[in-house]
């Protein structure tokens, strides 16, 4: 992603109405935005940026394993899209290095 595109994504993320995910506060702390609480254009633009520029990583919580595309635009957060939600969590030292892909064919 170009520096200009990353700056656009960061500005877009600042506009979105993030909600703290209380249910997962202990096990998987993150925020989320629901499609209906954001403008259609903003939600779609971020979802498309994740799909286009994100990296596929394995996520495991207990016995549950899933693969998501994560986008790190340089604002200290990682973003991933799940149906009508976009999630964000703080970038962690445990995250894979930039350019890492767990499942390269994931869309």
C-alpha atoms as a PDB file:
ATOM      1  CA  UNK A   1       0.000   0.000   0.000  1.00  0.00           C
ATOM      2  CA  UNK A   2       1.339   3.410  -0.867  1.00  0.00           C
ATOM      3  CA  UNK A   3       1.961   5.927   1.942  1.00  0.00           C
ATOM      4  CA  UNK A   4      -0.808   8.124   0.509  1.00  0.00           C
ATOM      5  CA  UNK A   5      -3.309   5.240   0.496  1.00  0.00           C
ATOM      6  CA  UNK A   6      -2.325   4.292   4.063  1.00  0.00           C
ATOM      7  CA  UNK A   7      -2.939   7.907   5.143  1.00  0.00           C
ATOM      8  CA  UNK A   8      -6.397   7.814   3.493  1.00  0.00           C
ATOM      9  CA  UNK A   9      -7.208   4.566   5.309  1.00  0.00           C
ATOM     10  CA  UNK A  10      -6.078   6.013   8.647  1.00  0.00           C
ATOM     11  CA  UNK A  11      -8.287   9.088   8.122  1.00  0.00           C
ATOM     12  CA  UNK A  12     -11.210   6.837   7.210  1.00  0.00           C
ATOM     13  CA  UNK A  13     -10.693   4.740  10.364  1.00  0.00           C
ATOM     14  CA  UNK A  14     -10.716   7.869  12.540  1.00  0.00           C
ATOM     15  CA  UNK A  15     -14.221   8.731  11.250  1.00  0.00           C
ATOM     16  CA  UNK A  16     -15.817   5.376  12.028  1.00  0.00           C
ATOM     17  CA  UNK A  17     -17.949   4.897  15.183  1.00  0.00           C
ATOM     18  CA  UNK A  18     -15.942   2.185  16.997  1.00  0.00           C
ATOM     19  CA  UNK A  19     -17.556   0.243  19.859  1.00  0.00           C
ATOM     20  CA  UNK A  20     -15.582  -1.636  22.524  1.00  0.00           C
ATOM     21  CA  UNK A  21     -16.317  -5.405  22.336  1.00  0.00           C
ATOM     22  CA  UNK A  22     -17.200  -5.984  26.014  1.00  0.00           C
ATOM     23  CA  UNK A  23     -17.907  -9.688  25.507  1.00  0.00           C
ATOM     24  CA  UNK A  24     -14.331 -10.363  24.386  1.00  0.00           C
ATOM     25  CA  UNK A  25     -12.587  -7.819  26.620  1.00  0.00           C
ATOM     26  CA  UNK A  26     -10.550 -10.459  28.473  1.00  0.00           C
ATOM     27  CA  UNK A  27      -9.932 -13.067  25.751  1.00  0.00           C
ATOM     28  CA  UNK A  28      -9.625 -11.018  22.580  1.00  0.00           C
ATOM     29  CA  UNK A  29      -9.770  -7.270  23.290  1.00  0.00           C
ATOM     30  CA  UNK A  30     -10.885  -5.232  20.287  1.00  0.00           C
ATOM     31  CA  UNK A  31     -13.330  -2.654  18.927  1.00  0.00           C
ATOM     32  CA  UNK A  32     -15.833  -3.102  16.111  1.00  0.00           C
ATOM     33  CA  UNK A  33     -18.044  -1.105  13.791  1.00  0.00           C
ATOM     34  CA  UNK A  34     -21.305  -2.476  12.403  1.00  0.00           C
ATOM     35  CA  UNK A  35     -22.189  -1.743   8.786  1.00  0.00           C
ATOM     36  CA  UNK A  36     -25.455  -0.003   9.760  1.00  0.00           C
ATOM     37  CA  UNK A  37     -23.670   2.421  12.138  1.00  0.00           C
ATOM     38  CA  UNK A  38     -21.237   3.724   9.494  1.00  0.00           C
ATOM     39  CA  UNK A  39     -21.879   5.328   6.152  1.00  0.00           C
ATOM     40  CA  UNK A  40     -22.138   2.740   3.402  1.00  0.00           C
ATOM     41  CA  UNK A  41     -19.246   4.331   1.500  1.00  0.00           C
ATOM     42  CA  UNK A  42     -16.883   4.413   4.495  1.00  0.00           C
ATOM     43  CA  UNK A  43     -17.645   0.812   5.470  1.00  0.00           C
ATOM     44  CA  UNK A  44     -17.199  -0.462   1.906  1.00  0.00           C
ATOM     45  CA  UNK A  45     -13.976   1.499   1.373  1.00  0.00           C
ATOM     46  CA  UNK A  46     -12.372   0.042   4.499  1.00  0.00           C
ATOM     47  CA  UNK A  47     -13.624  -3.475   3.714  1.00  0.00           C
ATOM     48  CA  UNK A  48     -12.140  -3.187   0.219  1.00  0.00           C
ATOM     49  CA  UNK A  49      -8.809  -1.886   1.559  1.00  0.00           C
ATOM     50  CA  UNK A  50      -8.637  -4.877   3.922  1.00  0.00           C
ATOM     51  CA  UNK A  51      -9.421  -7.281   1.078  1.00  0.00           C
ATOM     52  CA  UNK A  52      -6.912  -5.658  -1.294  1.00  0.00           C
ATOM     53  CA  UNK A  53      -4.020  -4.832   1.029  1.00  0.00           C
ATOM     54  CA  UNK A  54      -4.549  -7.097   4.042  1.00  0.00           C
ATOM     55  CA  UNK A  55      -2.479 -10.154   4.940  1.00  0.00           C
ATOM     56  CA  UNK A  56      -3.977 -13.525   5.819  1.00  0.00           C
ATOM     57  CA  UNK A  57      -3.251 -14.684   9.372  1.00  0.00           C
ATOM     58  CA  UNK A  58      -4.434 -17.556  11.472  1.00  0.00           C
ATOM     59  CA  UNK A  59      -6.566 -16.589  14.499  1.00  0.00           C
ATOM     60  CA  UNK A  60      -7.109 -19.049  17.326  1.00  0.00           C
ATOM     61  CA  UNK A  61      -9.276 -18.600  20.406  1.00  0.00           C
ATOM     62  CA  UNK A  62      -9.475 -21.831  22.383  1.00  0.00           C
ATOM     63  CA  UNK A  63     -10.357 -24.619  19.945  1.00  0.00           C
ATOM     64  CA  UNK A  64     -11.737 -22.171  17.344  1.00  0.00           C
ATOM     65  CA  UNK A  65      -9.411 -21.523  14.409  1.00  0.00           C
ATOM     66  CA  UNK A  66     -10.158 -19.067  11.610  1.00  0.00           C
ATOM     67  CA  UNK A  67      -8.237 -17.149   8.956  1.00  0.00           C
ATOM     68  CA  UNK A  68      -8.795 -13.448   8.396  1.00  0.00           C
ATOM     69  CA  UNK A  69      -7.178 -10.760   6.311  1.00  0.00           C
ATOM     70  CA  UNK A  70      -5.592  -8.141   8.565  1.00  0.00           C
ATOM     71  CA  UNK A  71      -4.665  -4.629   7.491  1.00  0.00           C
ATOM     72  CA  UNK A  72      -2.095  -2.558   9.400  1.00  0.00           C
ATOM     73  CA  UNK A  73      -2.157   0.996   7.976  1.00  0.00           C
ATOM     74  CA  UNK A  74       0.378   2.389  10.456  1.00  0.00           C
ATOM     75  CA  UNK A  75      -1.935   3.829  13.124  1.00  0.00           C
ATOM     76  CA  UNK A  76      -1.108   1.237  15.794  1.00  0.00           C
ATOM     77  CA  UNK A  77      -4.141  -0.909  14.959  1.00  0.00           C
ATOM     78  CA  UNK A  78      -4.884  -3.955  12.827  1.00  0.00           C
ATOM     79  CA  UNK A  79      -8.248  -4.211  11.046  1.00  0.00           C
ATOM     80  CA  UNK A  80     -10.196  -7.236   9.794  1.00  0.00           C
ATOM     81  CA  UNK A  81     -13.581  -7.627   8.093  1.00  0.00           C
ATOM     82  CA  UNK A  82     -16.238 -10.197   9.056  1.00  0.00           C
ATOM     83  CA  UNK A  83     -19.536  -9.967   7.147  1.00  0.00           C
ATOM     84  CA  UNK A  84     -21.328  -6.883   8.526  1.00  0.00           C
ATOM     85  CA  UNK A  85     -18.522  -6.033  11.004  1.00  0.00           C
ATOM     86  CA  UNK A  86     -15.103  -4.501  10.764  1.00  0.00           C
ATOM     87  CA  UNK A  87     -12.942  -5.095  13.811  1.00  0.00           C
ATOM     88  CA  UNK A  88      -9.821  -3.382  15.078  1.00  0.00           C
ATOM     89  CA  UNK A  89      -7.331  -4.297  17.768  1.00  0.00           C
ATOM     90  CA  UNK A  90      -4.065  -2.850  18.944  1.00  0.00           C
ATOM     91  CA  UNK A  91      -1.039  -4.138  17.048  1.00  0.00           C
ATOM     92  CA  UNK A  92       0.852  -6.572  19.270  1.00  0.00           C
ATOM     93  CA  UNK A  93       4.425  -7.848  19.455  1.00  0.00           C
ATOM     94  CA  UNK A  94       2.864 -11.303  19.000  1.00  0.00           C
ATOM     95  CA  UNK A  95       1.507 -10.393  15.552  1.00  0.00           C
ATOM     96  CA  UNK A  96       3.200 -11.863  12.477  1.00  0.00           C
ATOM     97  CA  UNK A  97       5.798  -9.635  10.808  1.00  0.00           C
ATOM     98  CA  UNK A  98       4.726  -7.366   7.949  1.00  0.00           C
ATOM     99  CA  UNK A  99       4.423  -9.431   4.767  1.00  0.00           C
ATOM    100  CA  UNK A 100       3.600 -12.681   6.620  1.00  0.00           C
ATOM    101  CA  UNK A 101       0.835 -14.826   5.112  1.00  0.00           C
ATOM    102  CA  UNK A 102      -0.609 -17.935   6.810  1.00  0.00           C
ATOM    103  CA  UNK A 103      -2.991 -18.884   4.006  1.00  0.00           C
ATOM    104  CA  UNK A 104      -2.140 -17.134   0.725  1.00  0.00           C
ATOM    105  CA  UNK A 105      -5.351 -18.003  -1.164  1.00  0.00           C
ATOM    106  CA  UNK A 106      -7.749 -16.524   1.389  1.00  0.00           C
ATOM    107  CA  UNK A 107     -10.073 -13.889  -0.082  1.00  0.00           C
END
